[in-house]
Amino acid sequence: MMRKRQEFGQSMVIMAVAIVALVVLAGLIIDGGSIYLNRRRAQTAADAGALAGARMYCLSEGDYAATAQQYAEENGASLESVEIDADDQVVVQTRVESPSFFASVIGYPMDMARAEAAAGCFKPSSTANLLPIAWTCRPPVGGSTGVCSIHSIPWGVFEDLLAHVQFGNGASVVLDPGDGVNWGTYQDDQSGSSKMAYLVMDKTVDTATDCAPPFGTGTFICDLDGDGTLDVTGNNERGWLSLDGTGASDLVDLMLHGFPDPIVLPQWFPGHSGAANDVFIKAHDIQGHLVLIPVFNGICPSTTDTQIPTTCAADYEAGDLIRSASGSKDWFRVAGFAPFVVTCVSKGASEDCPAKTFANVKKNISTIEGYFVSGYVGGTGICPGCFDLGVYIISLTR
């Protein structure tokens, strides 16, 4: 009888220990799961806050700190801190806590998790909406190679302009330079000669014979914005790019459907000779749309792809990619993308466009006209060596 009582007592002790162990284990599982969920929620909130804050900071659209806090709280976390680090990125730290189960017994009443994320603006290395024009990286056309300044309108302001101003065939508005904030300051006052529009034409302009004084003896107003440099010109300043094939049909396919593969920059692409009339016909399909235009900062004329590093050593840099092509061609070193809104397309004499009329371009010349914008978010990939042309991607870095 005594032995049975001893065994019973031992069993009770073992059961008690087992119950305690199970309770501890259950508490650890519950608290551990709670902390894991809190950690995921805190990280999601930190990511959202960093991305939203980076957009505000990079595009100067508002208070980046307040925006980061708003997005963090909307994702169920408390904002602990937000700052700009040495890499000019927005860094957000968040916290999520909930009542603990077992940990409260040992003095930890809350299950707490923290997370950190950083995001910034970067220049894209590829894009889908592409107008295959090589645009010189000069202000707006004249100037020295390497200086990249394109007259542009902030994207947010241009969206307001699209809602209030009539563009397209039959319109008469050619935007004036504005204050960068209010859409009304860009309205055409019909009196000044300073304009923001850019023109692409199916004719190579001879400055000396086509442009009006003081640049030449012709009738084209080649300085649309009145800053003393040419806005309408030829001489290898602009041309079509053979990004994917060499025919006009390939140019049209690029314009309407984009490039099939990522475009890694900087990269040398061959030019496409000729007027490419089909491009001007099909360009009506992108009228009113925003496209990205490749911008070049180096030219290597009349050479082959294998000769570029030696023939044009002044513009070629170690590590530049070269798109292969057969035969001797003019080559363009594309170093970035610039966002451009196509506002009007004129195919020959049957269609009028405001900037074409303003510049006194002959009616039988086909044109694509529009405006560069800045602060547009689009494209993919990160290109550290590309020029800052006003188009960005917002990306997490940690």
Protein backbone atom coordinates (compact mmCIF):
# COMPACT_ATOMS: atom_id res chain seq x y z
CA MET A 1 0.00 0.00 0.00
CA MET A 2 2.84 2.36 0.91
CA ARG A 3 4.50 1.64 -2.44
CA LYS A 4 1.31 2.50 -4.36
CA ARG A 5 1.02 5.80 -2.52
CA GLN A 6 4.64 6.64 -3.37
CA GLU A 7 4.04 5.83 -7.04
CA PHE A 8 0.88 7.90 -7.04
CA GLY A 9 2.77 10.82 -5.51
CA GLN A 10 5.52 10.55 -8.07
CA SER A 11 2.94 10.51 -10.87
CA MET A 12 1.32 13.65 -9.49
CA VAL A 13 4.69 15.40 -9.42
CA ILE A 14 5.42 14.34 -12.98
CA MET A 15 1.97 15.47 -14.13
CA ALA A 16 2.39 18.79 -12.38
CA VAL A 17 5.77 19.32 -14.01
CA ALA A 18 4.33 18.28 -17.38
CA ILE A 19 1.40 20.67 -17.00
CA VAL A 20 3.74 23.52 -16.12
CA ALA A 21 5.94 22.64 -19.08
CA LEU A 22 2.92 22.57 -21.40
CA VAL A 23 1.73 25.94 -20.10
CA VAL A 24 5.20 27.42 -20.60
CA LEU A 25 5.43 25.91 -24.07
CA ALA A 26 1.97 27.18 -24.99
CA GLY A 27 2.90 30.60 -23.67
CA LEU A 28 6.10 30.64 -25.69
CA ILE A 29 4.23 29.58 -28.82
CA ILE A 30 1.56 32.21 -28.32
CA ASP A 31 4.01 34.99 -27.47
CA GLY A 32 6.42 33.88 -30.20
CA GLY A 33 3.65 33.88 -32.77
CA SER A 34 2.47 37.26 -31.57
CA ILE A 35 5.98 38.70 -31.85
CA TYR A 36 6.39 37.20 -35.35
CA LEU A 37 3.12 38.73 -36.52
CA ASN A 38 4.05 42.05 -34.95
CA ARG A 39 7.42 41.88 -36.68
CA ARG A 40 5.81 41.34 -40.08
CA ARG A 41 3.30 44.13 -39.47
CA ALA A 42 6.06 46.50 -38.34
CA GLN A 43 8.14 45.70 -41.45
CA THR A 44 5.18 46.18 -43.79
CA ALA A 45 4.46 49.53 -42.17
CA ALA A 46 8.11 50.58 -42.32
CA ASP A 47 8.29 49.66 -46.02
CA ALA A 48 5.11 51.58 -46.82
CA GLY A 49 6.23 54.61 -44.83
CA ALA A 50 9.69 54.67 -46.43
CA LEU A 51 8.34 54.38 -49.98
CA ALA A 52 5.68 57.06 -49.46
CA GLY A 53 8.11 59.35 -47.65
CA ALA A 54 10.76 58.88 -50.36
CA ARG A 55 8.29 59.92 -53.04
CA MET A 56 7.42 63.11 -51.14
CA TYR A 57 11.08 63.87 -50.45
CA CYS A 58 12.46 63.16 -53.92
CA LEU A 59 9.72 64.89 -55.88
CA SER A 60 9.25 67.74 -53.36
CA GLU A 61 5.51 67.07 -53.27
CA GLY A 62 4.96 67.55 -49.54
CA ASP A 63 6.08 66.77 -45.99
CA TYR A 64 7.95 63.46 -46.29
CA ALA A 65 8.00 62.86 -42.50
CA ALA A 66 4.26 63.39 -42.07
CA THR A 67 3.57 61.17 -45.08
CA ALA A 68 5.81 58.41 -43.73
CA GLN A 69 4.00 58.56 -40.38
CA GLN A 70 0.59 58.45 -42.06
CA TYR A 71 1.44 55.33 -44.08
CA ALA A 72 3.08 53.61 -41.12
CA GLU A 73 0.04 54.18 -38.91
CA GLU A 74 -2.38 53.14 -41.66
CA ASN A 75 -0.52 49.82 -41.74
CA GLY A 76 -0.98 49.27 -38.01
CA ALA A 77 2.33 50.47 -36.58
CA SER A 78 3.63 53.37 -34.54
CA LEU A 79 6.33 55.54 -36.06
CA GLU A 80 9.45 55.66 -33.90
CA SER A 81 11.59 57.82 -36.20
CA VAL A 82 12.02 59.10 -39.74
CA GLU A 83 15.17 60.72 -41.08
CA ILE A 84 17.30 61.33 -44.17
CA ASP A 85 20.52 59.32 -44.08
CA ALA A 86 23.94 60.02 -45.60
CA ASP A 87 22.83 58.43 -48.91
CA ASP A 88 19.92 60.90 -49.18
CA GLN A 89 17.38 58.17 -48.54
CA VAL A 90 14.35 58.21 -46.26
CA VAL A 91 14.83 55.85 -43.28
CA VAL A 92 11.77 54.84 -41.26
CA GLN A 93 11.65 52.92 -37.97
CA THR A 94 8.36 51.49 -36.72
CA ARG A 95 7.05 49.62 -33.66
CA VAL A 96 4.13 47.23 -33.14
CA GLU A 97 3.12 45.89 -29.71
CA SER A 98 0.34 43.80 -28.26
CA PRO A 99 -0.43 42.35 -24.77
CA SER A 100 1.73 39.31 -23.98
CA PHE A 101 0.54 35.97 -22.59
CA PHE A 102 3.29 34.18 -20.72
CA ALA A 103 5.90 36.94 -20.90
CA SER A 104 3.75 39.11 -18.63
CA VAL A 105 4.40 36.65 -15.80
CA ILE A 106 8.11 37.40 -15.97
CA GLY A 107 7.72 41.15 -16.28
CA TYR A 108 7.10 41.71 -19.99
CA PRO A 109 3.48 42.76 -20.34
CA MET A 110 3.75 43.57 -24.08
CA ASP A 111 4.96 41.63 -27.12
CA MET A 112 6.96 44.25 -29.00
CA ALA A 113 8.61 44.19 -32.44
CA ARG A 114 10.53 46.86 -34.31
CA ALA A 115 11.46 47.22 -37.98
CA GLU A 116 13.42 49.56 -40.20
CA ALA A 117 13.23 50.35 -43.93
CA ALA A 118 14.95 52.79 -46.28
CA ALA A 119 13.91 53.99 -49.72
CA GLY A 120 15.07 56.52 -52.25
CA CYS A 121 14.68 57.92 -55.77
CA PHE A 122 16.81 56.40 -58.50
CA LYS A 123 17.27 56.97 -62.21
CA PRO A 124 15.76 54.10 -64.25
CA SER A 125 17.74 51.92 -66.65
CA SER A 126 14.81 50.69 -68.74
CA THR A 127 11.28 51.54 -69.77
CA ALA A 128 8.30 50.24 -71.72
CA ASN A 129 6.70 53.43 -73.13
CA LEU A 130 9.39 54.52 -75.54
CA LEU A 131 9.59 57.05 -78.37
CA PRO A 132 12.74 55.86 -80.23
CA ILE A 133 14.27 59.29 -80.75
CA ALA A 134 17.84 60.09 -79.77
CA TRP A 135 17.62 63.44 -78.00
CA THR A 136 20.73 65.40 -77.30
CA CYS A 137 21.73 65.94 -73.69
CA ARG A 138 22.16 69.70 -74.08
CA PRO A 139 20.15 72.77 -73.08
CA PRO A 140 17.72 72.53 -75.01
CA VAL A 141 19.83 71.77 -78.11
CA GLY A 142 22.85 74.04 -78.00
CA GLY A 143 25.58 73.78 -75.40
CA SER A 144 28.41 71.44 -74.61
CA THR A 145 28.33 67.66 -74.38
CA GLY A 146 27.84 66.44 -70.82
CA VAL A 147 25.67 69.36 -69.78
CA CYS A 148 22.16 67.96 -69.56
CA SER A 149 19.47 70.55 -68.98
CA ILE A 150 16.09 70.13 -70.67
CA HIS A 151 13.37 72.75 -70.21
CA SER A 152 10.58 70.87 -68.44
CA ILE A 153 7.31 71.32 -66.56
CA PRO A 154 6.69 69.55 -63.21
CA TRP A 155 4.49 66.51 -63.83
CA GLY A 156 1.90 67.52 -61.22
CA VAL A 157 1.54 70.95 -62.86
CA PHE A 158 1.26 69.39 -66.31
CA GLU A 159 -1.57 67.14 -65.12
CA ASP A 160 -3.44 70.32 -64.16
CA LEU A 161 -2.70 71.78 -67.59
CA LEU A 162 -4.15 68.70 -69.30
CA ALA A 163 -7.37 69.27 -67.36
CA HIS A 164 -7.66 72.96 -68.27
CA VAL A 165 -5.91 73.51 -71.61
CA GLN A 166 -6.83 72.19 -75.05
CA PHE A 167 -3.99 70.50 -76.91
CA GLY A 168 -3.90 68.60 -80.19
CA ASN A 169 -4.79 69.29 -83.81
CA GLY A 170 -6.66 72.52 -84.28
CA ALA A 171 -5.56 73.95 -80.91
CA SER A 172 -3.62 77.22 -80.78
CA VAL A 173 -1.93 77.04 -77.37
CA VAL A 174 1.86 76.94 -77.14
CA LEU A 175 2.80 77.01 -73.46
CA ASP A 176 4.92 79.79 -72.00
CA PRO A 177 7.52 79.23 -69.26
CA GLY A 178 5.75 79.21 -65.88
CA ASP A 179 6.63 79.37 -62.22
CA GLY A 180 6.79 75.58 -61.72
CA VAL A 181 3.83 75.63 -59.32
CA ASN A 182 0.68 77.10 -60.86
CA TRP A 183 -0.66 75.77 -64.16
CA GLY A 184 -2.11 79.16 -65.07
CA THR A 185 1.34 80.74 -65.38
CA TYR A 186 2.06 78.49 -68.39
CA GLN A 187 -0.91 79.66 -70.45
CA ASP A 188 -0.22 81.07 -73.88
CA ASP A 189 -0.33 84.87 -73.67
CA GLN A 190 -0.02 85.20 -77.49
CA SER A 191 2.46 88.03 -77.08
CA GLY A 192 5.84 86.73 -75.99
CA SER A 193 8.20 84.63 -78.10
CA SER A 194 9.39 82.43 -75.24
CA LYS A 195 7.80 78.96 -75.46
CA MET A 196 8.23 75.55 -73.81
CA ALA A 197 7.37 73.27 -76.75
CA TYR A 198 9.81 70.96 -78.53
CA LEU A 199 9.48 69.76 -82.12
CA VAL A 200 10.52 66.57 -83.91
CA MET A 201 10.41 66.87 -87.70
CA ASP A 202 10.80 64.55 -90.68
CA LYS A 203 13.29 66.96 -92.23
CA THR A 204 16.89 67.61 -91.32
CA VAL A 205 17.17 71.31 -90.59
CA ASP A 206 19.98 73.29 -92.14
CA THR A 207 20.46 76.05 -89.60
CA ALA A 208 22.02 78.47 -92.08
CA THR A 209 19.24 78.22 -94.69
CA ASP A 210 16.14 77.11 -92.73
CA CYS A 211 16.32 79.00 -89.42
CA ALA A 212 15.20 82.62 -89.14
CA PRO A 213 17.71 85.34 -88.14
CA PRO A 214 19.93 85.58 -86.21
CA PHE A 215 20.73 81.89 -86.81
CA GLY A 216 20.13 81.76 -90.55
CA THR A 217 18.35 83.27 -93.53
CA GLY A 218 15.25 81.08 -93.50
CA THR A 219 11.79 81.36 -91.93
CA PHE A 220 11.79 78.69 -89.19
CA ILE A 221 11.69 80.09 -85.66
CA CYS A 222 14.34 77.70 -84.36
CA ASP A 223 14.65 79.28 -80.89
CA LEU A 224 11.16 78.69 -79.47
CA ASP A 225 11.94 79.76 -75.92
CA GLY A 226 13.98 82.84 -76.76
CA ASP A 227 17.02 81.83 -74.74
CA GLY A 228 19.52 82.18 -77.57
CA THR A 229 19.93 78.46 -78.26
CA LEU A 230 18.24 76.33 -80.93
CA ASP A 231 15.13 74.25 -80.20
CA VAL A 232 14.60 73.07 -83.78
CA THR A 233 17.69 71.84 -85.55
CA GLY A 234 19.46 68.95 -87.27
CA ASN A 235 23.17 68.17 -87.56
CA ASN A 236 23.07 64.98 -85.47
CA GLU A 237 21.33 66.71 -82.58
CA ARG A 238 18.35 64.34 -82.86
CA GLY A 239 17.61 61.20 -84.83
CA TRP A 240 15.79 57.88 -84.79
CA LEU A 241 17.34 55.02 -82.82
CA SER A 242 17.51 51.42 -84.03
CA LEU A 243 16.92 49.83 -80.65
CA ASP A 244 15.32 46.66 -82.01
CA GLY A 245 15.79 46.15 -85.74
CA THR A 246 16.54 48.61 -88.51
CA GLY A 247 13.28 49.29 -90.38
CA ALA A 248 10.55 51.88 -89.90
CA SER A 249 8.16 49.10 -88.85
CA ASP A 250 10.48 48.35 -85.93
CA LEU A 251 10.39 52.00 -84.87
CA VAL A 252 6.59 51.94 -84.91
CA ASP A 253 6.52 48.73 -82.87
CA LEU A 254 8.82 50.30 -80.28
CA MET A 255 6.66 53.40 -80.07
CA LEU A 256 3.39 51.52 -79.62
CA HIS A 257 4.46 48.46 -77.64
CA GLY A 258 7.74 49.35 -75.96
CA PHE A 259 11.08 47.58 -75.90
CA PRO A 260 10.85 43.81 -75.25
CA ASP A 261 13.90 43.62 -72.96
CA PRO A 262 15.40 45.78 -70.21
CA ILE A 263 17.56 48.60 -71.59
CA VAL A 264 20.73 48.83 -69.55
CA LEU A 265 22.46 52.20 -69.66
CA PRO A 266 24.76 53.76 -70.61
CA GLN A 267 24.70 52.00 -74.00
CA TRP A 268 25.55 52.83 -77.62
CA PHE A 269 22.75 52.40 -80.16
CA PRO A 270 22.89 52.77 -83.96
CA GLY A 271 20.87 55.51 -85.60
CA HIS A 272 18.19 54.94 -88.21
CA SER A 273 18.53 57.03 -91.35
CA GLY A 274 15.54 58.42 -93.21
CA ALA A 275 12.35 60.25 -92.37
CA ALA A 276 10.43 57.18 -91.14
CA ASN A 277 7.06 58.44 -92.38
CA ASP A 278 5.20 55.51 -90.82
CA VAL A 279 6.31 56.74 -87.41
CA PHE A 280 4.55 60.07 -87.91
CA ILE A 281 1.38 58.31 -89.10
CA LYS A 282 1.26 55.94 -86.12
CA ALA A 283 2.33 58.66 -83.68
CA HIS A 284 -1.30 59.78 -83.60
CA ASP A 285 -1.92 56.74 -81.36
CA ILE A 286 0.31 58.17 -78.63
CA GLN A 287 -0.95 61.76 -78.86
CA GLY A 288 -1.86 62.86 -75.35
CA HIS A 289 0.29 60.15 -73.77
CA LEU A 290 3.49 60.34 -71.77
CA VAL A 291 6.46 58.52 -73.28
CA LEU A 292 10.12 58.30 -72.37
CA ILE A 293 12.72 59.57 -74.84
CA PRO A 294 16.30 58.22 -74.81
CA VAL A 295 18.77 61.06 -74.27
CA PHE A 296 22.34 60.79 -75.54
CA ASN A 297 25.51 62.57 -74.50
CA GLY A 298 27.93 61.20 -77.08
CA ILE A 299 27.99 60.66 -80.85
CA CYS A 300 30.22 58.38 -82.91
CA PRO A 301 29.48 59.06 -86.61
CA SER A 302 30.05 56.74 -89.55
CA THR A 303 31.69 53.82 -87.80
CA THR A 304 31.08 50.19 -86.83
CA ASP A 305 30.15 48.78 -83.44
CA THR A 306 33.61 47.25 -82.90
CA GLN A 307 35.40 50.53 -83.69
CA ILE A 308 33.53 52.75 -81.22
CA PRO A 309 35.99 52.35 -78.29
CA THR A 310 38.92 53.55 -80.42
CA THR A 311 37.26 55.82 -82.98
CA CYS A 312 35.29 57.76 -80.35
CA ALA A 313 37.50 57.34 -77.30
CA ALA A 314 36.57 60.83 -76.05
CA ASP A 315 32.93 59.81 -75.52
CA TYR A 316 33.32 56.07 -74.89
CA GLU A 317 33.76 55.00 -71.27
CA ALA A 318 34.99 51.66 -69.99
CA GLY A 319 31.99 49.48 -69.24
CA ASP A 320 29.72 51.06 -71.88
CA LEU A 321 27.51 48.52 -73.61
CA ILE A 322 27.30 48.54 -77.41
CA ARG A 323 24.26 47.25 -79.30
CA SER A 324 25.58 45.12 -82.16
CA ALA A 325 24.67 46.09 -85.75
CA SER A 326 26.12 45.45 -89.17
CA GLY A 327 27.79 48.06 -91.33
CA SER A 328 28.91 51.61 -90.74
CA LYS A 329 26.40 53.82 -88.88
CA ASP A 330 26.04 56.86 -86.67
CA TRP A 331 26.07 55.75 -83.03
CA PHE A 332 24.51 57.45 -80.00
CA ARG A 333 25.59 56.97 -76.37
CA VAL A 334 22.24 56.87 -74.52
CA ALA A 335 22.71 57.88 -70.89
CA GLY A 336 19.18 58.40 -69.59
CA PHE A 337 15.47 58.76 -70.28
CA ALA A 338 13.45 61.99 -70.33
CA PRO A 339 9.64 61.98 -69.87
CA PHE A 340 7.83 63.68 -72.75
CA VAL A 341 4.12 64.31 -73.32
CA VAL A 342 3.11 64.16 -77.00
CA THR A 343 0.52 66.93 -77.40
CA CYS A 344 0.11 67.11 -81.19
CA VAL A 345 1.08 65.17 -84.32
CA SER A 346 0.99 66.62 -87.83
CA LYS A 347 1.42 64.35 -90.85
CA GLY A 348 2.11 66.71 -93.72
CA ALA A 349 0.04 69.65 -94.92
CA SER A 350 -3.37 68.30 -93.92
CA GLU A 351 -2.88 68.77 -90.17
CA ASP A 352 -1.94 71.81 -88.11
CA CYS A 353 -0.27 71.83 -84.71
CA PRO A 354 0.28 74.87 -82.47
CA ALA A 355 4.07 74.76 -82.14
CA LYS A 356 4.46 73.88 -85.82
CA THR A 357 2.44 76.97 -86.74
CA PHE A 358 4.21 79.14 -84.17
CA ALA A 359 7.63 78.10 -85.48
CA ASN A 360 6.52 78.83 -89.06
CA VAL A 361 7.37 75.30 -90.18
CA LYS A 362 6.32 74.54 -93.74
CA LYS A 363 3.00 72.73 -93.87
CA ASN A 364 4.30 69.79 -95.89
CA ILE A 365 6.74 68.86 -93.10
CA SER A 366 5.51 66.26 -90.60
CA THR A 367 6.04 66.99 -86.91
CA ILE A 368 5.64 65.52 -83.44
CA GLU A 369 5.45 68.16 -80.73
CA GLY A 370 5.11 68.19 -77.00
CA TYR A 371 6.63 69.08 -73.66
CA PHE A 372 9.22 67.54 -71.39
CA VAL A 373 8.07 67.02 -67.81
CA SER A 374 9.97 66.38 -64.59
CA GLY A 375 9.15 64.54 -61.40
CA TYR A 376 7.55 61.58 -63.17
CA VAL A 377 7.80 58.13 -61.58
CA GLY A 378 8.22 55.34 -64.14
CA GLY A 379 10.65 52.87 -65.66
CA THR A 380 12.46 49.91 -64.09
CA GLY A 381 15.92 49.03 -62.89
CA ILE A 382 18.46 51.32 -61.25
CA CYS A 383 21.11 53.12 -63.29
CA PRO A 384 23.72 54.82 -61.04
CA GLY A 385 25.56 56.32 -64.02
CA CYS A 386 22.56 57.79 -65.82
CA PHE A 387 21.74 61.49 -66.02
CA ASP A 388 19.05 62.95 -63.81
CA LEU A 389 16.40 63.92 -66.38
CA GLY A 390 13.36 64.15 -64.13
CA VAL A 391 12.14 60.54 -64.32
CA TYR A 392 12.62 58.24 -61.33
CA ILE A 393 11.79 54.94 -59.77
CA ILE A 394 11.12 54.76 -56.05
CA SER A 395 12.78 51.69 -54.54
CA LEU A 396 13.44 50.12 -51.15
CA THR A 397 17.13 49.66 -50.33
CA ARG A 398 16.76 47.88 -47.00
